[in-house]
Amino acid sequence: SELYRRLLVASERHLDACLQLADGVIPEASVRL
């Protein structure tokens, strides 16, 4: 739990930069994350 939460913000920035759909859209993360 603690390690995950310490890594979460930086890891989500990486997903914002690298995770795309086939049409080029970058899907947003749910607030429930």
ModelCIF file with pLDDT and N, C-alpha, C, O atoms, coordinates in Angstrom:
data_MODEL
#
_entry.id   MODEL 
#
_entity.id                         1 
_entity.type                       polymer 
_entity.pdbx_number_of_molecules   1 
#
_entity_poly.entity_id                      1 
_entity_poly.type                           'polypeptide(L)' 
_entity_poly.nstd_linkage                   no 
_entity_poly.nstd_monomer                   no 
_entity_poly.pdbx_seq_one_letter_code       SELYRRLLVASERHLDACLQLADGVIPEASVRL 
_entity_poly.pdbx_seq_one_letter_code_can   SELYRRLLVASERHLDACLQLADGVIPEASVRL 
_entity_poly.pdbx_strand_id                 A 
#
loop_
_entity_poly_seq.entity_id 
_entity_poly_seq.num 
_entity_poly_seq.mon_id 
_entity_poly_seq.hetero 
1 1  SER n 
1 2  GLU n 
1 3  LEU n 
1 4  TYR n 
1 5  ARG n 
1 6  ARG n 
1 7  LEU n 
1 8  LEU n 
1 9  VAL n 
1 10 ALA n 
1 11 SER n 
1 12 GLU n 
1 13 ARG n 
1 14 HIS n 
1 15 LEU n 
1 16 ASP n 
1 17 ALA n 
1 18 CYS n 
1 19 LEU n 
1 20 GLN n 
1 21 LEU n 
1 22 ALA n 
1 23 ASP n 
1 24 GLY n 
1 25 VAL n 
1 26 ILE n 
1 27 PRO n 
1 28 GLU n 
1 29 ALA n 
1 30 SER n 
1 31 VAL n 
1 32 ARG n 
1 33 LEU n 
#
_struct_asym.id          A 
_struct_asym.entity_id   1 
#
loop_
_ma_qa_metric.id 
_ma_qa_metric.mode 
_ma_qa_metric.name 
_ma_qa_metric.software_group_id 
_ma_qa_metric.type 
1 global pLDDT . pLDDT 
2 local  pLDDT . pLDDT 
#
_ma_qa_metric_global.metric_id      1 
_ma_qa_metric_global.metric_value   93.70 
_ma_qa_metric_global.model_id       1 
_ma_qa_metric_global.ordinal_id     1 
#
loop_
_ma_qa_metric_local.label_asym_id 
_ma_qa_metric_local.label_comp_id 
_ma_qa_metric_local.label_seq_id 
_ma_qa_metric_local.metric_id 
_ma_qa_metric_local.metric_value 
_ma_qa_metric_local.model_id 
_ma_qa_metric_local.ordinal_id 
A SER 1  2 93.00 1 1  
A GLU 2  2 93.00 1 2  
A LEU 3  2 95.00 1 3  
A TYR 4  2 95.00 1 4  
A ARG 5  2 93.00 1 5  
A ARG 6  2 93.00 1 6  
A LEU 7  2 95.00 1 7  
A LEU 8  2 95.00 1 8  
A VAL 9  2 93.00 1 9  
A ALA 10 2 95.00 1 10 
A SER 11 2 96.00 1 11 
A GLU 12 2 96.00 1 12 
A ARG 13 2 96.00 1 13 
A HIS 14 2 97.00 1 14 
A LEU 15 2 97.00 1 15 
A ASP 16 2 96.00 1 16 
A ALA 17 2 95.00 1 17 
A CYS 18 2 94.00 1 18 
A LEU 19 2 95.00 1 19 
A GLN 20 2 94.00 1 20 
A LEU 21 2 95.00 1 21 
A ALA 22 2 94.00 1 22 
A ASP 23 2 93.00 1 23 
A GLY 24 2 93.00 1 24 
A VAL 25 2 93.00 1 25 
A ILE 26 2 94.00 1 26 
A PRO 27 2 94.00 1 27 
A GLU 28 2 94.00 1 28 
A ALA 29 2 93.00 1 29 
A SER 30 2 90.00 1 30 
A VAL 31 2 88.00 1 31 
A ARG 32 2 86.00 1 32 
A LEU 33 2 89.00 1 33 
#
loop_
_atom_site.group_PDB 
_atom_site.id 
_atom_site.type_symbol 
_atom_site.label_atom_id 
_atom_site.label_alt_id 
_atom_site.label_comp_id 
_atom_site.label_asym_id 
_atom_site.label_entity_id 
_atom_site.label_seq_id 
_atom_site.pdbx_PDB_ins_code 
_atom_site.Cartn_x 
_atom_site.Cartn_y 
_atom_site.Cartn_z 
_atom_site.occupancy 
_atom_site.B_iso_or_equiv 
_atom_site.pdbx_formal_charge 
_atom_site.auth_seq_id 
_atom_site.auth_comp_id 
_atom_site.auth_asym_id 
_atom_site.auth_atom_id 
_atom_site.pdbx_PDB_model_num 
ATOM 1   N N  . SER A 1 1  ? 0.818   -1.205 0.000   1.00 93.00 ? 1  SER A N  1 
ATOM 2   C CA . SER A 1 1  ? 0.000   0.000  0.000   1.00 93.00 ? 1  SER A CA 1 
ATOM 3   C C  . SER A 1 1  ? 0.856   1.262  0.000   1.00 93.00 ? 1  SER A C  1 
ATOM 4   O O  . SER A 1 1  ? 0.656   2.153  -0.825  1.00 93.00 ? 1  SER A O  1 
ATOM 5   N N  . GLU A 1 2  ? 1.811   1.336  0.928   1.00 93.00 ? 2  GLU A N  1 
ATOM 6   C CA . GLU A 1 2  ? 2.612   2.559  1.024   1.00 93.00 ? 2  GLU A CA 1 
ATOM 7   C C  . GLU A 1 2  ? 3.489   2.746  -0.210  1.00 93.00 ? 2  GLU A C  1 
ATOM 8   O O  . GLU A 1 2  ? 3.597   3.855  -0.733  1.00 93.00 ? 2  GLU A O  1 
ATOM 9   N N  . LEU A 1 3  ? 4.107   1.678  -0.672  1.00 95.00 ? 3  LEU A N  1 
ATOM 10  C CA . LEU A 1 3  ? 4.973   1.804  -1.836  1.00 95.00 ? 3  LEU A CA 1 
ATOM 11  C C  . LEU A 1 3  ? 4.166   2.191  -3.074  1.00 95.00 ? 3  LEU A C  1 
ATOM 12  O O  . LEU A 1 3  ? 4.608   3.019  -3.870  1.00 95.00 ? 3  LEU A O  1 
ATOM 13  N N  . TYR A 1 4  ? 3.003   1.604  -3.235  1.00 95.00 ? 4  TYR A N  1 
ATOM 14  C CA . TYR A 1 4  ? 2.142   1.918  -4.384  1.00 95.00 ? 4  TYR A CA 1 
ATOM 15  C C  . TYR A 1 4  ? 1.781   3.401  -4.378  1.00 95.00 ? 4  TYR A C  1 
ATOM 16  O O  . TYR A 1 4  ? 1.853   4.065  -5.411  1.00 95.00 ? 4  TYR A O  1 
ATOM 17  N N  . ARG A 1 5  ? 1.401   3.905  -3.240  1.00 93.00 ? 5  ARG A N  1 
ATOM 18  C CA . ARG A 1 5  ? 0.957   5.299  -3.189  1.00 93.00 ? 5  ARG A CA 1 
ATOM 19  C C  . ARG A 1 5  ? 2.106   6.274  -3.376  1.00 93.00 ? 5  ARG A C  1 
ATOM 20  O O  . ARG A 1 5  ? 1.905   7.383  -3.870  1.00 93.00 ? 5  ARG A O  1 
ATOM 21  N N  . ARG A 1 6  ? 3.302   5.874  -2.988  1.00 93.00 ? 6  ARG A N  1 
ATOM 22  C CA . ARG A 1 6  ? 4.465   6.727  -3.227  1.00 93.00 ? 6  ARG A CA 1 
ATOM 23  C C  . ARG A 1 6  ? 4.849   6.750  -4.718  1.00 93.00 ? 6  ARG A C  1 
ATOM 24  O O  . ARG A 1 6  ? 5.443   7.720  -5.189  1.00 93.00 ? 6  ARG A O  1 
ATOM 25  N N  . LEU A 1 7  ? 4.512   5.687  -5.452  1.00 95.00 ? 7  LEU A N  1 
ATOM 26  C CA . LEU A 1 7  ? 4.859   5.599  -6.871  1.00 95.00 ? 7  LEU A CA 1 
ATOM 27  C C  . LEU A 1 7  ? 3.750   6.121  -7.786  1.00 95.00 ? 7  LEU A C  1 
ATOM 28  O O  . LEU A 1 7  ? 3.988   6.342  -8.973  1.00 95.00 ? 7  LEU A O  1 
ATOM 29  N N  . LEU A 1 8  ? 2.554   6.319  -7.255  1.00 95.00 ? 8  LEU A N  1 
ATOM 30  C CA . LEU A 1 8  ? 1.380   6.514  -8.096  1.00 95.00 ? 8  LEU A CA 1 
ATOM 31  C C  . LEU A 1 8  ? 1.454   7.766  -8.976  1.00 95.00 ? 8  LEU A C  1 
ATOM 32  O O  . LEU A 1 8  ? 1.223   7.673  -10.181 1.00 95.00 ? 8  LEU A O  1 
ATOM 33  N N  . VAL A 1 9  ? 1.765   8.915  -8.413  1.00 93.00 ? 9  VAL A N  1 
ATOM 34  C CA . VAL A 1 9  ? 1.716   10.168 -9.183  1.00 93.00 ? 9  VAL A CA 1 
ATOM 35  C C  . VAL A 1 9  ? 2.699   10.140 -10.335 1.00 93.00 ? 9  VAL A C  1 
ATOM 36  O O  . VAL A 1 9  ? 2.336   10.460 -11.467 1.00 93.00 ? 9  VAL A O  1 
ATOM 37  N N  . ALA A 1 10 ? 3.952   9.757  -10.060 1.00 95.00 ? 10 ALA A N  1 
ATOM 38  C CA . ALA A 1 10 ? 4.963   9.727  -11.123 1.00 95.00 ? 10 ALA A CA 1 
ATOM 39  C C  . ALA A 1 10 ? 4.620   8.680  -12.184 1.00 95.00 ? 10 ALA A C  1 
ATOM 40  O O  . ALA A 1 10 ? 4.814   8.918  -13.376 1.00 95.00 ? 10 ALA A O  1 
ATOM 41  N N  . SER A 1 11 ? 4.114   7.530  -11.756 1.00 96.00 ? 11 SER A N  1 
ATOM 42  C CA . SER A 1 11 ? 3.779   6.482  -12.725 1.00 96.00 ? 11 SER A CA 1 
ATOM 43  C C  . SER A 1 11 ? 2.601   6.897  -13.604 1.00 96.00 ? 11 SER A C  1 
ATOM 44  O O  . SER A 1 11 ? 2.546   6.523  -14.776 1.00 96.00 ? 11 SER A O  1 
ATOM 45  N N  . GLU A 1 12 ? 1.666   7.660  -13.059 1.00 96.00 ? 12 GLU A N  1 
ATOM 46  C CA . GLU A 1 12 ? 0.554   8.136  -13.867 1.00 96.00 ? 12 GLU A CA 1 
ATOM 47  C C  . GLU A 1 12 ? 1.003   9.182  -14.883 1.00 96.00 ? 12 GLU A C  1 
ATOM 48  O O  . GLU A 1 12 ? 0.430   9.274  -15.968 1.00 96.00 ? 12 GLU A O  1 
ATOM 49  N N  . ARG A 1 13 ? 2.010   9.963  -14.548 1.00 96.00 ? 13 ARG A N  1 
ATOM 50  C CA . ARG A 1 13 ? 2.555   10.899 -15.542 1.00 96.00 ? 13 ARG A CA 1 
ATOM 51  C C  . ARG A 1 13 ? 3.137   10.125 -16.722 1.00 96.00 ? 13 ARG A C  1 
ATOM 52  O O  . ARG A 1 13 ? 2.995   10.541 -17.872 1.00 96.00 ? 13 ARG A O  1 
ATOM 53  N N  . HIS A 1 14 ? 3.786   9.009  -16.439 1.00 97.00 ? 14 HIS A N  1 
ATOM 54  C CA . HIS A 1 14 ? 4.341   8.185  -17.519 1.00 97.00 ? 14 HIS A CA 1 
ATOM 55  C C  . HIS A 1 14 ? 3.213   7.629  -18.390 1.00 97.00 ? 14 HIS A C  1 
ATOM 56  O O  . HIS A 1 14 ? 3.339   7.601  -19.614 1.00 97.00 ? 14 HIS A O  1 
ATOM 57  N N  . LEU A 1 15 ? 2.127   7.191  -17.783 1.00 97.00 ? 15 LEU A N  1 
ATOM 58  C CA . LEU A 1 15 ? 0.998   6.684  -18.561 1.00 97.00 ? 15 LEU A CA 1 
ATOM 59  C C  . LEU A 1 15 ? 0.368   7.797  -19.395 1.00 97.00 ? 15 LEU A C  1 
ATOM 60  O O  . LEU A 1 15 ? -0.037  7.561  -20.533 1.00 97.00 ? 15 LEU A O  1 
ATOM 61  N N  . ASP A 1 16 ? 0.283   9.000  -18.844 1.00 96.00 ? 16 ASP A N  1 
ATOM 62  C CA . ASP A 1 16 ? -0.234  10.132 -19.623 1.00 96.00 ? 16 ASP A CA 1 
ATOM 63  C C  . ASP A 1 16 ? 0.599   10.364 -20.877 1.00 96.00 ? 16 ASP A C  1 
ATOM 64  O O  . ASP A 1 16 ? 0.073   10.781 -21.909 1.00 96.00 ? 16 ASP A O  1 
ATOM 65  N N  . ALA A 1 17 ? 1.895   10.094 -20.788 1.00 95.00 ? 17 ALA A N  1 
ATOM 66  C CA . ALA A 1 17 ? 2.792   10.347 -21.917 1.00 95.00 ? 17 ALA A CA 1 
ATOM 67  C C  . ALA A 1 17 ? 2.823   9.197  -22.916 1.00 95.00 ? 17 ALA A C  1 
ATOM 68  O O  . ALA A 1 17 ? 3.115   9.406  -24.094 1.00 95.00 ? 17 ALA A O  1 
ATOM 69  N N  . CYS A 1 18 ? 2.523   7.978  -22.453 1.00 94.00 ? 18 CYS A N  1 
ATOM 70  C CA . CYS A 1 18 ? 2.801   6.806  -23.297 1.00 94.00 ? 18 CYS A CA 1 
ATOM 71  C C  . CYS A 1 18 ? 1.594   5.932  -23.628 1.00 94.00 ? 18 CYS A C  1 
ATOM 72  O O  . CYS A 1 18 ? 1.666   5.132  -24.561 1.00 94.00 ? 18 CYS A O  1 
ATOM 73  N N  . LEU A 1 19 ? 0.505   6.057  -22.905 1.00 95.00 ? 19 LEU A N  1 
ATOM 74  C CA . LEU A 1 19 ? -0.626  5.161  -23.145 1.00 95.00 ? 19 LEU A CA 1 
ATOM 75  C C  . LEU A 1 19 ? -1.631  5.845  -24.069 1.00 95.00 ? 19 LEU A C  1 
ATOM 76  O O  . LEU A 1 19 ? -2.198  6.882  -23.725 1.00 95.00 ? 19 LEU A O  1 
ATOM 77  N N  . GLN A 1 20 ? -1.843  5.260  -25.236 1.00 94.00 ? 20 GLN A N  1 
ATOM 78  C CA . GLN A 1 20 ? -2.775  5.805  -26.217 1.00 94.00 ? 20 GLN A CA 1 
ATOM 79  C C  . GLN A 1 20 ? -3.732  4.726  -26.702 1.00 94.00 ? 20 GLN A C  1 
ATOM 80  O O  . GLN A 1 20 ? -3.483  3.529  -26.559 1.00 94.00 ? 20 GLN A O  1 
ATOM 81  N N  . LEU A 1 21 ? -4.834  5.190  -27.278 1.00 95.00 ? 21 LEU A N  1 
ATOM 82  C CA . LEU A 1 21 ? -5.722  4.307  -28.015 1.00 95.00 ? 21 LEU A CA 1 
ATOM 83  C C  . LEU A 1 21 ? -5.326  4.325  -29.483 1.00 95.00 ? 21 LEU A C  1 
ATOM 84  O O  . LEU A 1 21 ? -4.498  5.133  -29.903 1.00 95.00 ? 21 LEU A O  1 
ATOM 85  N N  . ALA A 1 22 ? -5.924  3.429  -30.258 1.00 94.00 ? 22 ALA A N  1 
ATOM 86  C CA . ALA A 1 22 ? -5.559  3.310  -31.674 1.00 94.00 ? 22 ALA A CA 1 
ATOM 87  C C  . ALA A 1 22 ? -5.803  4.601  -32.449 1.00 94.00 ? 22 ALA A C  1 
ATOM 88  O O  . ALA A 1 22 ? -5.109  4.878  -33.428 1.00 94.00 ? 22 ALA A O  1 
ATOM 89  N N  . ASP A 1 23 ? -6.788  5.394  -32.018 1.00 93.00 ? 23 ASP A N  1 
ATOM 90  C CA . ASP A 1 23 ? -7.084  6.646  -32.724 1.00 93.00 ? 23 ASP A CA 1 
ATOM 91  C C  . ASP A 1 23 ? -6.250  7.819  -32.224 1.00 93.00 ? 23 ASP A C  1 
ATOM 92  O O  . ASP A 1 23 ? -6.483  8.960  -32.623 1.00 93.00 ? 23 ASP A O  1 
ATOM 93  N N  . GLY A 1 24 ? -5.277  7.549  -31.352 1.00 93.00 ? 24 GLY A N  1 
ATOM 94  C CA . GLY A 1 24 ? -4.387  8.585  -30.852 1.00 93.00 ? 24 GLY A CA 1 
ATOM 95  C C  . GLY A 1 24 ? -4.852  9.270  -29.590 1.00 93.00 ? 24 GLY A C  1 
ATOM 96  O O  . GLY A 1 24 ? -4.106  10.060 -29.011 1.00 93.00 ? 24 GLY A O  1 
ATOM 97  N N  . VAL A 1 25 ? -6.068  8.990  -29.144 1.00 93.00 ? 25 VAL A N  1 
ATOM 98  C CA . VAL A 1 25 ? -6.589  9.603  -27.918 1.00 93.00 ? 25 VAL A CA 1 
ATOM 99  C C  . VAL A 1 25 ? -5.843  9.058  -26.702 1.00 93.00 ? 25 VAL A C  1 
ATOM 100 O O  . VAL A 1 25 ? -5.551  7.864  -26.628 1.00 93.00 ? 25 VAL A O  1 
ATOM 101 N N  . ILE A 1 26 ? -5.537  9.939  -25.755 1.00 94.00 ? 26 ILE A N  1 
ATOM 102 C CA . ILE A 1 26 ? -4.931  9.529  -24.485 1.00 94.00 ? 26 ILE A CA 1 
ATOM 103 C C  . ILE A 1 26 ? -6.059  9.427  -23.457 1.00 94.00 ? 26 ILE A C  1 
ATOM 104 O O  . ILE A 1 26 ? -6.587  10.458 -23.041 1.00 94.00 ? 26 ILE A O  1 
ATOM 105 N N  . PRO A 1 27 ? -6.441  8.241  -23.039 1.00 94.00 ? 27 PRO A N  1 
ATOM 106 C CA . PRO A 1 27 ? -7.562  8.108  -22.099 1.00 94.00 ? 27 PRO A CA 1 
ATOM 107 C C  . PRO A 1 27 ? -7.192  8.632  -20.714 1.00 94.00 ? 27 PRO A C  1 
ATOM 108 O O  . PRO A 1 27 ? -6.083  8.401  -20.232 1.00 94.00 ? 27 PRO A O  1 
ATOM 109 N N  . GLU A 1 28 ? -8.114  9.327  -20.085 1.00 94.00 ? 28 GLU A N  1 
ATOM 110 C CA . GLU A 1 28 ? -7.866  9.872  -18.751 1.00 94.00 ? 28 GLU A CA 1 
ATOM 111 C C  . GLU A 1 28 ? -8.126  8.819  -17.689 1.00 94.00 ? 28 GLU A C  1 
ATOM 112 O O  . GLU A 1 28 ? -8.961  7.930  -17.859 1.00 94.00 ? 28 GLU A O  1 
ATOM 113 N N  . ALA A 1 29 ? -7.403  8.935  -16.603 1.00 93.00 ? 29 ALA A N  1 
ATOM 114 C CA . ALA A 1 29 ? -7.581  8.015  -15.484 1.00 93.00 ? 29 ALA A CA 1 
ATOM 115 C C  . ALA A 1 29 ? -8.797  8.405  -14.671 1.00 93.00 ? 29 ALA A C  1 
ATOM 116 O O  . ALA A 1 29 ? -9.074  9.590  -14.484 1.00 93.00 ? 29 ALA A O  1 
ATOM 117 N N  . SER A 1 30 ? -9.520  7.413  -14.189 1.00 90.00 ? 30 SER A N  1 
ATOM 118 C CA . SER A 1 30 ? -10.661 7.654  -13.322 1.00 90.00 ? 30 SER A CA 1 
ATOM 119 C C  . SER A 1 30 ? -10.195 8.239  -11.987 1.00 90.00 ? 30 SER A C  1 
ATOM 120 O O  . SER A 1 30 ? -9.119  7.903  -11.491 1.00 90.00 ? 30 SER A O  1 
ATOM 121 N N  . VAL A 1 31 ? -11.015 9.112  -11.418 1.00 88.00 ? 31 VAL A N  1 
ATOM 122 C CA . VAL A 1 31 ? -10.679 9.685  -10.117 1.00 88.00 ? 31 VAL A CA 1 
ATOM 123 C C  . VAL A 1 31 ? -10.643 8.597  -9.042  1.00 88.00 ? 31 VAL A C  1 
ATOM 124 O O  . VAL A 1 31 ? -10.014 8.776  -7.998  1.00 88.00 ? 31 VAL A O  1 
ATOM 125 N N  . ARG A 1 32 ? -11.317 7.469  -9.295  1.00 86.00 ? 32 ARG A N  1 
ATOM 126 C CA . ARG A 1 32 ? -11.337 6.387  -8.321  1.00 86.00 ? 32 ARG A CA 1 
ATOM 127 C C  . ARG A 1 32 ? -9.980  5.718  -8.169  1.00 86.00 ? 32 ARG A C  1 
ATOM 128 O O  . ARG A 1 32 ? -9.754  4.978  -7.211  1.00 86.00 ? 32 ARG A O  1 
ATOM 129 N N  . LEU A 1 33 ? -9.076  5.975  -9.110  1.00 89.00 ? 33 LEU A N  1 
ATOM 130 C CA . LEU A 1 33 ? -7.741  5.406  -9.014  1.00 89.00 ? 33 LEU A CA 1 
ATOM 131 C C  . LEU A 1 33 ? -7.085  5.784  -7.692  1.00 89.00 ? 33 LEU A C  1 
ATOM 132 O O  . LEU A 1 33 ? -5.948  5.391  -7.433  1.00 89.00 ? 33 LEU A O  1 
#
